[in-house]
Amino acid sequence: MHLHDVWFVLIAVLWTGYFFLEGFDFGIGILSKLLARDERERRVLINTIGPVWDGNEVWLLTAAGATFAAFPDWYATLFSGFYLPMLLILVCLIVRGVAFEYRAKRDDERWKRNWENAIFWASLLPAFLWGAAFADIVRGVPIDASKNFTGDLGDLVNPYALLGGLLTLVVFTFHGAVFAALKTLGDIRMRARRAAAGLGLAALAVAAGFLAWTQASHGNGRSLITVVAALVALAAAWAVGRRGREGWAFALSGVAIAATVATFFLALFPNVMPSTTNAAWNLTVANASSGPYTLKVMTWIAGFATPLVVAYQAWTYWVFRKRLGTQHIPGPAVH
């Protein structure tokens, strides 16, 4: 296996980590407006991800940085062609981070409500846009012989991309509901469990449609395995969640997300960005990658740094593993 193939796999792993971790905190952000009945319950939900949400975004920074270093042509074409949706995602992530920090800085109902609305929308929009973007990457976009994106925003808006966006939105919200049931106590836990039951069915229906479309149009024998794995894991997560096994449900919803990301990358390989203009102009792992020396240095750095990052995040989740309830928030304390 060539180093550019190794880095294609590593980038897939980084995106898997990002969607697994950021997926549930996007879901919590969305559910903070839909599931909580009062300000204390919204604080409970937000506090479930308070110690970890910023660490989850490290995976996005690493995935983007790895793409820039390992596949500079892919990075350049992707971020120039998808400039507007990527900018909107970036703005949402900035607003969302500020909202988490600022919502409790003033004891004013209107102030808190405005920041809570910001958390909701800045979670919902990226949850949709990431799926739409990856669907467009798999489907292909107009690229010329010089590896330049030649389309416009209209080329990114199509039924397949919209269904991909709906997939990640619903699956991330389901993932968040399962996480909320896993991390909370009392009435909000029961409501999260009921919400997960409904969202799980919706996620399974959307996933079945999108993954079947992906397999029929872009898939292969390898991706068929991950399509089946994603659907089985999603169905199993819904089933065990209904029986109150939140830990297993969360693990299985994570498996479903991982299998879905694997489907994206397996459907792509050996391309990294297909051209709808001419298949000869596809960006591939070979023609879009950096030189062997760069990839070799990156491999050594990743081999040293990645275990440290994973160990630190695992320790963080272990430290903040206990459930939260309204009884842990007796008053309007700043958190």
C-alpha atoms as a PDB file:
ATOM      1  CA  MET A   1       0.000   0.000   0.000  1.00  0.00           C
ATOM      2  CA  HIS A   2       1.346   3.440  -0.953  1.00  0.00           C
ATOM      3  CA  LEU A   3       1.587   6.222   1.616  1.00  0.00           C
ATOM      4  CA  HIS A   4      -1.084   8.253  -0.198  1.00  0.00           C
ATOM      5  CA  ASP A   5      -3.454   5.299   0.282  1.00  0.00           C
ATOM      6  CA  VAL A   6      -2.527   5.184   3.980  1.00  0.00           C
ATOM      7  CA  TRP A   7      -3.299   8.878   4.350  1.00  0.00           C
ATOM      8  CA  PHE A   8      -6.619   8.500   2.566  1.00  0.00           C
ATOM      9  CA  VAL A   9      -7.527   5.918   5.222  1.00  0.00           C
ATOM     10  CA  LEU A  10      -6.202   8.115   8.050  1.00  0.00           C
ATOM     11  CA  ILE A  11      -8.232  11.085   6.858  1.00  0.00           C
ATOM     12  CA  ALA A  12     -11.312   8.849   6.754  1.00  0.00           C
ATOM     13  CA  VAL A  13     -10.563   7.862  10.372  1.00  0.00           C
ATOM     14  CA  LEU A  14     -10.251  11.532  11.381  1.00  0.00           C
ATOM     15  CA  TRP A  15     -13.603  12.392   9.795  1.00  0.00           C
ATOM     16  CA  THR A  16     -15.123   9.368  11.511  1.00  0.00           C
ATOM     17  CA  GLY A  17     -13.855  10.599  14.871  1.00  0.00           C
ATOM     18  CA  TYR A  18     -15.178  14.079  14.186  1.00  0.00           C
ATOM     19  CA  PHE A  19     -18.657  12.960  13.140  1.00  0.00           C
ATOM     20  CA  PHE A  20     -18.894  10.478  16.025  1.00  0.00           C
ATOM     21  CA  LEU A  21     -17.953  13.068  18.655  1.00  0.00           C
ATOM     22  CA  GLU A  22     -19.267  16.291  17.166  1.00  0.00           C
ATOM     23  CA  GLY A  23     -22.363  14.441  15.982  1.00  0.00           C
ATOM     24  CA  PHE A  24     -23.765  13.979  19.479  1.00  0.00           C
ATOM     25  CA  ASP A  25     -22.964  17.505  20.597  1.00  0.00           C
ATOM     26  CA  PHE A  26     -24.641  18.890  17.463  1.00  0.00           C
ATOM     27  CA  GLY A  27     -27.563  16.711  18.510  1.00  0.00           C
ATOM     28  CA  ILE A  28     -27.506  18.103  22.048  1.00  0.00           C
ATOM     29  CA  GLY A  29     -27.441  21.649  20.660  1.00  0.00           C
ATOM     30  CA  ILE A  30     -30.533  20.918  18.573  1.00  0.00           C
ATOM     31  CA  LEU A  31     -32.324  19.132  21.411  1.00  0.00           C
ATOM     32  CA  SER A  32     -31.589  21.924  23.891  1.00  0.00           C
ATOM     33  CA  LYS A  33     -34.517  23.791  22.305  1.00  0.00           C
ATOM     34  CA  LEU A  34     -36.705  20.777  21.547  1.00  0.00           C
ATOM     35  CA  LEU A  35     -36.277  18.526  24.579  1.00  0.00           C
ATOM     36  CA  ALA A  36     -35.759  20.841  27.566  1.00  0.00           C
ATOM     37  CA  ARG A  37     -38.836  22.397  29.165  1.00  0.00           C
ATOM     38  CA  ASP A  38     -37.175  25.162  31.154  1.00  0.00           C
ATOM     39  CA  GLU A  39     -33.896  26.984  31.630  1.00  0.00           C
ATOM     40  CA  ARG A  40     -32.566  24.509  34.200  1.00  0.00           C
ATOM     41  CA  GLU A  41     -33.105  21.564  31.871  1.00  0.00           C
ATOM     42  CA  ARG A  42     -31.397  23.437  29.047  1.00  0.00           C
ATOM     43  CA  ARG A  43     -28.451  23.941  31.379  1.00  0.00           C
ATOM     44  CA  VAL A  44     -28.419  20.219  32.137  1.00  0.00           C
ATOM     45  CA  LEU A  45     -28.257  19.358  28.432  1.00  0.00           C
ATOM     46  CA  ILE A  46     -25.609  21.940  27.645  1.00  0.00           C
ATOM     47  CA  ASN A  47     -23.556  20.867  30.661  1.00  0.00           C
ATOM     48  CA  THR A  48     -23.466  17.262  29.379  1.00  0.00           C
ATOM     49  CA  ILE A  49     -21.193  18.457  26.578  1.00  0.00           C
ATOM     50  CA  GLY A  50     -19.668  21.451  28.344  1.00  0.00           C
ATOM     51  CA  PRO A  51     -16.336  19.767  29.217  1.00  0.00           C
ATOM     52  CA  VAL A  52     -15.886  18.037  25.839  1.00  0.00           C
ATOM     53  CA  TRP A  53     -17.395  20.001  22.923  1.00  0.00           C
ATOM     54  CA  ASP A  54     -14.270  22.032  22.166  1.00  0.00           C
ATOM     55  CA  GLY A  55     -12.070  18.925  22.319  1.00  0.00           C
ATOM     56  CA  ASN A  56     -14.366  17.244  19.806  1.00  0.00           C
ATOM     57  CA  GLU A  57     -13.597  19.975  17.282  1.00  0.00           C
ATOM     58  CA  VAL A  58      -9.902  19.078  17.402  1.00  0.00           C
ATOM     59  CA  TRP A  59     -10.795  16.219  15.058  1.00  0.00           C
ATOM     60  CA  LEU A  60     -12.089  18.685  12.462  1.00  0.00           C
ATOM     61  CA  LEU A  61      -8.951  20.811  12.664  1.00  0.00           C
ATOM     62  CA  THR A  62      -6.783  17.723  12.349  1.00  0.00           C
ATOM     63  CA  ALA A  63      -8.798  16.345   9.413  1.00  0.00           C
ATOM     64  CA  ALA A  64      -8.601  19.661   7.554  1.00  0.00           C
ATOM     65  CA  GLY A  65      -4.893  20.050   8.334  1.00  0.00           C
ATOM     66  CA  ALA A  66      -4.130  16.489   7.246  1.00  0.00           C
ATOM     67  CA  THR A  67      -6.008  17.028   3.983  1.00  0.00           C
ATOM     68  CA  PHE A  68      -4.070  20.242   3.337  1.00  0.00           C
ATOM     69  CA  ALA A  69      -0.713  18.551   3.944  1.00  0.00           C
ATOM     70  CA  ALA A  70      -1.348  15.132   2.415  1.00  0.00           C
ATOM     71  CA  PHE A  71      -3.616  16.110  -0.515  1.00  0.00           C
ATOM     72  CA  PRO A  72      -3.085  19.804  -1.285  1.00  0.00           C
ATOM     73  CA  ASP A  73      -4.890  19.663  -4.644  1.00  0.00           C
ATOM     74  CA  TRP A  74      -7.920  18.057  -3.008  1.00  0.00           C
ATOM     75  CA  TYR A  75      -7.881  20.706  -0.275  1.00  0.00           C
ATOM     76  CA  ALA A  76      -7.580  23.584  -2.753  1.00  0.00           C
ATOM     77  CA  THR A  77     -10.348  22.352  -5.049  1.00  0.00           C
ATOM     78  CA  LEU A  78     -12.649  21.404  -2.177  1.00  0.00           C
ATOM     79  CA  PHE A  79     -12.396  24.623  -0.201  1.00  0.00           C
ATOM     80  CA  SER A  80     -12.557  26.878  -3.244  1.00  0.00           C
ATOM     81  CA  GLY A  81     -15.523  25.048  -4.770  1.00  0.00           C
ATOM     82  CA  PHE A  82     -17.372  24.674  -1.467  1.00  0.00           C
ATOM     83  CA  TYR A  83     -16.419  28.138  -0.229  1.00  0.00           C
ATOM     84  CA  LEU A  84     -19.896  29.374   0.777  1.00  0.00           C
ATOM     85  CA  PRO A  85     -21.092  26.263   2.654  1.00  0.00           C
ATOM     86  CA  MET A  86     -17.698  25.891   4.358  1.00  0.00           C
ATOM     87  CA  LEU A  87     -17.784  29.556   5.375  1.00  0.00           C
ATOM     88  CA  LEU A  88     -21.285  29.101   6.783  1.00  0.00           C
ATOM     89  CA  ILE A  89     -20.133  26.053   8.759  1.00  0.00           C
ATOM     90  CA  LEU A  90     -17.154  27.990  10.119  1.00  0.00           C
ATOM     91  CA  VAL A  91     -19.335  30.936  11.156  1.00  0.00           C
ATOM     92  CA  CYS A  92     -21.750  28.551  12.883  1.00  0.00           C
ATOM     93  CA  LEU A  93     -18.934  26.841  14.793  1.00  0.00           C
ATOM     94  CA  ILE A  94     -17.606  30.219  15.943  1.00  0.00           C
ATOM     95  CA  VAL A  95     -21.041  31.477  17.006  1.00  0.00           C
ATOM     96  CA  ARG A  96     -21.769  28.187  18.745  1.00  0.00           C
ATOM     97  CA  GLY A  97     -18.545  28.312  20.753  1.00  0.00           C
ATOM     98  CA  VAL A  98     -19.182  31.908  21.781  1.00  0.00           C
ATOM     99  CA  ALA A  99     -22.775  31.020  22.746  1.00  0.00           C
ATOM    100  CA  PHE A 100     -21.637  28.221  25.068  1.00  0.00           C
ATOM    101  CA  GLU A 101     -19.323  30.620  26.854  1.00  0.00           C
ATOM    102  CA  TYR A 102     -21.521  33.739  26.913  1.00  0.00           C
ATOM    103  CA  ARG A 103     -25.033  32.472  27.621  1.00  0.00           C
ATOM    104  CA  ALA A 104     -24.465  32.399  31.405  1.00  0.00           C
ATOM    105  CA  LYS A 105     -22.512  35.650  31.650  1.00  0.00           C
ATOM    106  CA  ARG A 106     -25.621  37.719  32.404  1.00  0.00           C
ATOM    107  CA  ASP A 107     -28.573  36.819  34.589  1.00  0.00           C
ATOM    108  CA  ASP A 108     -31.056  38.066  32.011  1.00  0.00           C
ATOM    109  CA  GLU A 109     -33.740  35.880  30.431  1.00  0.00           C
ATOM    110  CA  ARG A 110     -33.652  37.541  27.029  1.00  0.00           C
ATOM    111  CA  TRP A 111     -29.836  37.353  26.886  1.00  0.00           C
ATOM    112  CA  LYS A 112     -29.875  33.630  27.649  1.00  0.00           C
ATOM    113  CA  ARG A 113     -32.722  32.940  25.212  1.00  0.00           C
ATOM    114  CA  ASN A 114     -30.869  34.654  22.367  1.00  0.00           C
ATOM    115  CA  TRP A 115     -27.703  32.634  22.977  1.00  0.00           C
ATOM    116  CA  GLU A 116     -29.730  29.428  23.292  1.00  0.00           C
ATOM    117  CA  ASN A 117     -31.321  30.190  19.912  1.00  0.00           C
ATOM    118  CA  ALA A 118     -27.804  30.675  18.544  1.00  0.00           C
ATOM    119  CA  ILE A 119     -26.754  27.274  19.917  1.00  0.00           C
ATOM    120  CA  PHE A 120     -29.770  25.643  18.256  1.00  0.00           C
ATOM    121  CA  TRP A 121     -29.266  27.139  14.783  1.00  0.00           C
ATOM    122  CA  ALA A 122     -25.467  26.907  14.902  1.00  0.00           C
ATOM    123  CA  SER A 123     -25.827  23.191  15.644  1.00  0.00           C
ATOM    124  CA  LEU A 124     -28.598  22.456  13.149  1.00  0.00           C
ATOM    125  CA  LEU A 125     -27.032  24.121  10.098  1.00  0.00           C
ATOM    126  CA  PRO A 126     -23.603  22.384  10.257  1.00  0.00           C
ATOM    127  CA  ALA A 127     -25.308  19.055  10.992  1.00  0.00           C
ATOM    128  CA  PHE A 128     -27.149  19.450   7.684  1.00  0.00           C
ATOM    129  CA  LEU A 129     -24.351  21.037   5.655  1.00  0.00           C
ATOM    130  CA  TRP A 130     -21.717  18.396   6.437  1.00  0.00           C
ATOM    131  CA  GLY A 131     -23.905  15.652   5.002  1.00  0.00           C
ATOM    132  CA  ALA A 132     -24.745  17.716   1.930  1.00  0.00           C
ATOM    133  CA  ALA A 133     -21.058  18.499   1.353  1.00  0.00           C
ATOM    134  CA  PHE A 134     -19.941  14.879   1.599  1.00  0.00           C
ATOM    135  CA  ALA A 135     -22.774  13.791  -0.673  1.00  0.00           C
ATOM    136  CA  ASP A 136     -21.585  16.302  -3.283  1.00  0.00           C
ATOM    137  CA  ILE A 137     -18.006  15.043  -2.956  1.00  0.00           C
ATOM    138  CA  VAL A 138     -19.144  11.462  -3.610  1.00  0.00           C
ATOM    139  CA  ARG A 139     -21.462  12.507  -6.447  1.00  0.00           C
ATOM    140  CA  GLY A 140     -18.804  14.671  -8.087  1.00  0.00           C
ATOM    141  CA  VAL A 141     -18.618  18.318  -9.096  1.00  0.00           C
ATOM    142  CA  PRO A 142     -17.420  20.180 -12.217  1.00  0.00           C
ATOM    143  CA  ILE A 143     -13.589  20.092 -12.273  1.00  0.00           C
ATOM    144  CA  ASP A 144     -11.405  20.986 -15.247  1.00  0.00           C
ATOM    145  CA  ALA A 145      -8.076  19.599 -16.439  1.00  0.00           C
ATOM    146  CA  SER A 146      -6.205  22.059 -14.192  1.00  0.00           C
ATOM    147  CA  LYS A 147      -7.948  20.646 -11.098  1.00  0.00           C
ATOM    148  CA  ASN A 148     -10.058  23.787 -10.686  1.00  0.00           C
ATOM    149  CA  PHE A 149     -13.712  23.798  -9.643  1.00  0.00           C
ATOM    150  CA  THR A 150     -15.656  25.305 -12.533  1.00  0.00           C
ATOM    151  CA  GLY A 151     -19.205  25.186 -11.193  1.00  0.00           C
ATOM    152  CA  ASP A 152     -21.243  27.430  -8.912  1.00  0.00           C
ATOM    153  CA  LEU A 153     -23.472  27.090  -5.877  1.00  0.00           C
ATOM    154  CA  GLY A 154     -26.239  25.641  -8.032  1.00  0.00           C
ATOM    155  CA  ASP A 155     -24.065  22.602  -8.775  1.00  0.00           C
ATOM    156  CA  LEU A 156     -23.966  21.815  -5.058  1.00  0.00           C
ATOM    157  CA  VAL A 157     -27.735  21.911  -4.574  1.00  0.00           C
ATOM    158  CA  ASN A 158     -29.344  18.726  -5.851  1.00  0.00           C
ATOM    159  CA  PRO A 159     -31.641  16.001  -4.465  1.00  0.00           C
ATOM    160  CA  TYR A 160     -28.780  13.664  -3.554  1.00  0.00           C
ATOM    161  CA  ALA A 161     -26.962  16.360  -1.565  1.00  0.00           C
ATOM    162  CA  LEU A 162     -30.157  17.471   0.172  1.00  0.00           C
ATOM    163  CA  LEU A 163     -30.896  13.883   1.192  1.00  0.00           C
ATOM    164  CA  GLY A 164     -27.312  13.544   2.446  1.00  0.00           C
ATOM    165  CA  GLY A 165     -27.796  16.665   4.549  1.00  0.00           C
ATOM    166  CA  LEU A 166     -31.054  15.323   5.942  1.00  0.00           C
ATOM    167  CA  LEU A 167     -29.282  12.054   6.773  1.00  0.00           C
ATOM    168  CA  THR A 168     -26.578  13.645   8.932  1.00  0.00           C
ATOM    169  CA  LEU A 169     -29.090  16.032  10.531  1.00  0.00           C
ATOM    170  CA  VAL A 170     -31.414  13.231  11.639  1.00  0.00           C
ATOM    171  CA  VAL A 171     -28.671  10.759  12.570  1.00  0.00           C
ATOM    172  CA  PHE A 172     -26.745  13.349  14.607  1.00  0.00           C
ATOM    173  CA  THR A 173     -29.937  14.382  16.407  1.00  0.00           C
ATOM    174  CA  PHE A 174     -30.676  10.719  17.181  1.00  0.00           C
ATOM    175  CA  HIS A 175     -27.073  10.285  18.362  1.00  0.00           C
ATOM    176  CA  GLY A 176     -27.533  13.336  20.603  1.00  0.00           C
ATOM    177  CA  ALA A 177     -30.804  12.021  22.035  1.00  0.00           C
ATOM    178  CA  VAL A 178     -29.135   8.719  22.927  1.00  0.00           C
ATOM    179  CA  PHE A 179     -26.251  10.628  24.519  1.00  0.00           C
ATOM    180  CA  ALA A 180     -28.721  12.768  26.491  1.00  0.00           C
ATOM    181  CA  ALA A 181     -30.439   9.619  27.776  1.00  0.00           C
ATOM    182  CA  LEU A 182     -27.025   8.216  28.711  1.00  0.00           C
ATOM    183  CA  LYS A 183     -25.857  11.349  30.545  1.00  0.00           C
ATOM    184  CA  THR A 184     -28.949  12.659  32.342  1.00  0.00           C
ATOM    185  CA  LEU A 185     -31.277  11.728  35.197  1.00  0.00           C
ATOM    186  CA  GLY A 186     -34.971  12.002  35.932  1.00  0.00           C
ATOM    187  CA  ASP A 187     -37.680  13.296  33.619  1.00  0.00           C
ATOM    188  CA  ILE A 188     -35.293  14.664  31.020  1.00  0.00           C
ATOM    189  CA  ARG A 189     -33.726  11.221  30.672  1.00  0.00           C
ATOM    190  CA  MET A 190     -37.140   9.656  30.018  1.00  0.00           C
ATOM    191  CA  ARG A 191     -37.964  12.344  27.467  1.00  0.00           C
ATOM    192  CA  ALA A 192     -34.607  11.834  25.765  1.00  0.00           C
ATOM    193  CA  ARG A 193     -35.291   8.100  25.574  1.00  0.00           C
ATOM    194  CA  ARG A 194     -38.705   8.705  23.978  1.00  0.00           C
ATOM    195  CA  ALA A 195     -37.214  11.242  21.562  1.00  0.00           C
ATOM    196  CA  ALA A 196     -34.518   8.730  20.597  1.00  0.00           C
ATOM    197  CA  ALA A 197     -37.187   6.138  19.797  1.00  0.00           C
ATOM    198  CA  GLY A 198     -38.861   8.437  17.283  1.00  0.00           C
ATOM    199  CA  LEU A 199     -35.650   9.851  15.879  1.00  0.00           C
ATOM    200  CA  GLY A 200     -34.195   6.366  15.468  1.00  0.00           C
ATOM    201  CA  LEU A 201     -37.014   5.335  13.157  1.00  0.00           C
ATOM    202  CA  ALA A 202     -36.643   8.543  11.145  1.00  0.00           C
ATOM    203  CA  ALA A 203     -32.868   8.066  10.943  1.00  0.00           C
ATOM    204  CA  LEU A 204     -33.277   4.482   9.791  1.00  0.00           C
ATOM    205  CA  ALA A 205     -35.715   5.487   7.035  1.00  0.00           C
ATOM    206  CA  VAL A 206     -33.530   8.325   5.739  1.00  0.00           C
ATOM    207  CA  ALA A 207     -30.350   6.231   6.001  1.00  0.00           C
ATOM    208  CA  ALA A 208     -31.934   3.363   4.075  1.00  0.00           C
ATOM    209  CA  GLY A 209     -32.897   5.707   1.242  1.00  0.00           C
ATOM    210  CA  PHE A 210     -29.617   7.604   1.054  1.00  0.00           C
ATOM    211  CA  LEU A 211     -27.299   4.619   1.443  1.00  0.00           C
ATOM    212  CA  ALA A 212     -29.264   2.582  -1.099  1.00  0.00           C
ATOM    213  CA  TRP A 213     -28.955   5.490  -3.551  1.00  0.00           C
ATOM    214  CA  THR A 214     -25.238   5.784  -2.818  1.00  0.00           C
ATOM    215  CA  GLN A 215     -24.652   2.079  -3.302  1.00  0.00           C
ATOM    216  CA  ALA A 216     -26.650   1.960  -6.542  1.00  0.00           C
ATOM    217  CA  SER A 217     -24.972   5.018  -8.079  1.00  0.00           C
ATOM    218  CA  HIS A 218     -21.441   5.028  -6.672  1.00  0.00           C
ATOM    219  CA  GLY A 219     -20.935   1.882  -4.620  1.00  0.00           C
ATOM    220  CA  ASN A 220     -18.917  -1.287  -4.950  1.00  0.00           C
ATOM    221  CA  GLY A 221     -18.506  -4.574  -3.121  1.00  0.00           C
ATOM    222  CA  ARG A 222     -16.599  -2.997  -0.238  1.00  0.00           C
ATOM    223  CA  SER A 223     -19.114  -0.221   0.301  1.00  0.00           C
ATOM    224  CA  LEU A 224     -21.991  -2.711   0.290  1.00  0.00           C
ATOM    225  CA  ILE A 225     -20.560  -4.208   3.497  1.00  0.00           C
ATOM    226  CA  THR A 226     -20.491  -0.822   5.239  1.00  0.00           C
ATOM    227  CA  VAL A 227     -23.978   0.077   3.966  1.00  0.00           C
ATOM    228  CA  VAL A 228     -25.377  -3.087   5.561  1.00  0.00           C
ATOM    229  CA  ALA A 229     -23.332  -2.493   8.725  1.00  0.00           C
ATOM    230  CA  ALA A 230     -24.632   1.072   9.053  1.00  0.00           C
ATOM    231  CA  LEU A 231     -28.270   0.042   8.705  1.00  0.00           C
ATOM    232  CA  VAL A 232     -27.939  -2.945  11.054  1.00  0.00           C
ATOM    233  CA  ALA A 233     -26.152  -0.828  13.676  1.00  0.00           C
ATOM    234  CA  LEU A 234     -28.765   1.919  13.418  1.00  0.00           C
ATOM    235  CA  ALA A 235     -31.622  -0.556  13.808  1.00  0.00           C
ATOM    236  CA  ALA A 236     -29.854  -2.218  16.748  1.00  0.00           C
ATOM    237  CA  ALA A 237     -29.230   1.175  18.409  1.00  0.00           C
ATOM    238  CA  TRP A 238     -32.940   1.967  18.171  1.00  0.00           C
ATOM    239  CA  ALA A 239     -33.928  -1.464  19.514  1.00  0.00           C
ATOM    240  CA  VAL A 240     -31.604  -1.536  22.537  1.00  0.00           C
ATOM    241  CA  GLY A 241     -32.347   2.118  23.291  1.00  0.00           C
ATOM    242  CA  ARG A 242     -36.039   1.291  23.650  1.00  0.00           C
ATOM    243  CA  ARG A 243     -35.059  -1.268  26.293  1.00  0.00           C
ATOM    244  CA  GLY A 244     -33.137   1.358  28.269  1.00  0.00           C
ATOM    245  CA  ARG A 245     -29.655   0.159  27.321  1.00  0.00           C
ATOM    246  CA  GLU A 246     -28.324   3.654  26.623  1.00  0.00           C
ATOM    247  CA  GLY A 247     -24.654   2.681  26.675  1.00  0.00           C
ATOM    248  CA  TRP A 248     -25.129   0.058  23.994  1.00  0.00           C
ATOM    249  CA  ALA A 249     -27.427   2.345  22.013  1.00  0.00           C
ATOM    250  CA  PHE A 250     -24.807   5.102  22.015  1.00  0.00           C
ATOM    251  CA  ALA A 251     -22.041   2.713  20.954  1.00  0.00           C
ATOM    252  CA  LEU A 252     -24.196   1.307  18.151  1.00  0.00           C
ATOM    253  CA  SER A 253     -25.255   4.738  16.878  1.00  0.00           C
ATOM    254  CA  GLY A 254     -21.543   5.548  16.785  1.00  0.00           C
ATOM    255  CA  VAL A 255     -20.915   2.384  14.765  1.00  0.00           C
ATOM    256  CA  ALA A 256     -23.645   3.481  12.346  1.00  0.00           C
ATOM    257  CA  ILE A 257     -21.946   6.868  11.897  1.00  0.00           C
ATOM    258  CA  ALA A 258     -18.549   5.212  11.396  1.00  0.00           C
ATOM    259  CA  ALA A 259     -19.971   2.803   8.808  1.00  0.00           C
ATOM    260  CA  THR A 260     -21.661   5.681   6.977  1.00  0.00           C
ATOM    261  CA  VAL A 261     -18.398   7.641   6.785  1.00  0.00           C
ATOM    262  CA  ALA A 262     -16.653   4.476   5.601  1.00  0.00           C
ATOM    263  CA  THR A 263     -19.294   4.168   2.870  1.00  0.00           C
ATOM    264  CA  PHE A 264     -18.487   7.690   1.681  1.00  0.00           C
ATOM    265  CA  PHE A 265     -14.777   6.998   1.447  1.00  0.00           C
ATOM    266  CA  LEU A 266     -15.104   3.506  -0.021  1.00  0.00           C
ATOM    267  CA  ALA A 267     -17.449   4.840  -2.695  1.00  0.00           C
ATOM    268  CA  LEU A 268     -14.862   7.524  -3.484  1.00  0.00           C
ATOM    269  CA  PHE A 269     -11.652   5.465  -3.592  1.00  0.00           C
ATOM    270  CA  PRO A 270      -9.365   5.759  -5.507  1.00  0.00           C
ATOM    271  CA  ASN A 271     -10.831   9.190  -6.226  1.00  0.00           C
ATOM    272  CA  VAL A 272     -10.866  11.954  -3.667  1.00  0.00           C
ATOM    273  CA  MET A 273     -13.077  14.250  -5.753  1.00  0.00           C
ATOM    274  CA  PRO A 274     -14.692  13.034  -8.993  1.00  0.00           C
ATOM    275  CA  SER A 275     -15.161  15.401 -11.927  1.00  0.00           C
ATOM    276  CA  THR A 276     -18.585  15.485 -13.545  1.00  0.00           C
ATOM    277  CA  THR A 277     -17.042  17.266 -16.529  1.00  0.00           C
ATOM    278  CA  ASN A 278     -14.682  14.498 -17.575  1.00  0.00           C
ATOM    279  CA  ALA A 279     -13.746  11.359 -15.647  1.00  0.00           C
ATOM    280  CA  ALA A 280     -10.151  11.773 -16.849  1.00  0.00           C
ATOM    281  CA  TRP A 281      -9.981  14.923 -14.697  1.00  0.00           C
ATOM    282  CA  ASN A 282     -10.935  13.195 -11.442  1.00  0.00           C
ATOM    283  CA  LEU A 283      -8.788  14.054  -8.453  1.00  0.00           C
ATOM    284  CA  THR A 284      -7.353  10.793  -7.154  1.00  0.00           C
ATOM    285  CA  VAL A 285      -5.226   9.700  -4.213  1.00  0.00           C
ATOM    286  CA  ALA A 286      -2.269   9.606  -6.601  1.00  0.00           C
ATOM    287  CA  ASN A 287      -2.583  12.852  -8.586  1.00  0.00           C
ATOM    288  CA  ALA A 288      -3.787  15.022  -5.673  1.00  0.00           C
ATOM    289  CA  SER A 289      -1.256  13.939  -3.044  1.00  0.00           C
ATOM    290  CA  SER A 290       1.932  15.473  -1.704  1.00  0.00           C
ATOM    291  CA  GLY A 291       5.347  13.980  -2.384  1.00  0.00           C
ATOM    292  CA  PRO A 292       6.609  10.818  -0.672  1.00  0.00           C
ATOM    293  CA  TYR A 293       8.921  12.703   1.704  1.00  0.00           C
ATOM    294  CA  THR A 294       6.096  14.909   3.007  1.00  0.00           C
ATOM    295  CA  LEU A 295       3.860  11.899   3.536  1.00  0.00           C
ATOM    296  CA  LYS A 296       6.640  10.015   5.307  1.00  0.00           C
ATOM    297  CA  VAL A 297       7.280  12.882   7.757  1.00  0.00           C
ATOM    298  CA  MET A 298       3.548  13.234   8.384  1.00  0.00           C
ATOM    299  CA  THR A 299       3.271   9.528   9.113  1.00  0.00           C
ATOM    300  CA  TRP A 300       5.946   9.697  11.814  1.00  0.00           C
ATOM    301  CA  ILE A 301       4.304  12.755  13.410  1.00  0.00           C
ATOM    302  CA  ALA A 302       0.850  11.177  13.315  1.00  0.00           C
ATOM    303  CA  GLY A 303       2.173   7.946  14.812  1.00  0.00           C
ATOM    304  CA  PHE A 304       3.502   9.906  17.791  1.00  0.00           C
ATOM    305  CA  ALA A 305       0.752  12.513  18.289  1.00  0.00           C
ATOM    306  CA  THR A 306      -2.446  10.568  17.573  1.00  0.00           C
ATOM    307  CA  PRO A 307      -2.224   8.158  20.558  1.00  0.00           C
ATOM    308  CA  LEU A 308      -1.643  11.146  22.869  1.00  0.00           C
ATOM    309  CA  VAL A 309      -4.737  12.967  21.592  1.00  0.00           C
ATOM    310  CA  VAL A 310      -6.890   9.836  21.847  1.00  0.00           C
ATOM    311  CA  ALA A 311      -5.606   9.075  25.361  1.00  0.00           C
ATOM    312  CA  TYR A 312      -6.251  12.627  26.552  1.00  0.00           C
ATOM    313  CA  GLN A 313      -9.797  12.660  25.177  1.00  0.00           C
ATOM    314  CA  ALA A 314     -10.548   9.247  26.645  1.00  0.00           C
ATOM    315  CA  TRP A 315      -9.348  10.504  30.035  1.00  0.00           C
ATOM    316  CA  THR A 316     -11.569  13.592  29.723  1.00  0.00           C
ATOM    317  CA  TYR A 317     -14.648  11.512  29.018  1.00  0.00           C
ATOM    318  CA  TRP A 318     -13.803   9.209  31.931  1.00  0.00           C
ATOM    319  CA  VAL A 319     -13.463  12.124  34.375  1.00  0.00           C
ATOM    320  CA  PHE A 320     -16.814  13.631  33.301  1.00  0.00           C
ATOM    321  CA  ARG A 321     -18.657  10.328  32.977  1.00  0.00           C
ATOM    322  CA  LYS A 322     -21.352  10.841  35.649  1.00  0.00           C
ATOM    323  CA  ARG A 323     -24.970  11.586  34.869  1.00  0.00           C
ATOM    324  CA  LEU A 324     -26.433  15.064  35.408  1.00  0.00           C
ATOM    325  CA  GLY A 325     -29.875  16.151  36.545  1.00  0.00           C
ATOM    326  CA  THR A 326     -31.701  19.305  37.576  1.00  0.00           C
ATOM    327  CA  GLN A 327     -30.776  18.525  41.177  1.00  0.00           C
ATOM    328  CA  HIS A 328     -27.175  19.338  40.240  1.00  0.00           C
ATOM    329  CA  ILE A 329     -28.235  22.850  39.192  1.00  0.00           C
ATOM    330  CA  PRO A 330     -29.921  24.340  42.270  1.00  0.00           C
ATOM    331  CA  GLY A 331     -29.932  27.931  41.096  1.00  0.00           C
ATOM    332  CA  PRO A 332     -28.825  30.437  38.474  1.00  0.00           C
ATOM    333  CA  ALA A 333     -25.119  29.805  39.007  1.00  0.00           C
ATOM    334  CA  VAL A 334     -22.594  30.747  36.339  1.00  0.00           C
ATOM    335  CA  HIS A 335     -21.105  27.607  34.794  1.00  0.00           C
END
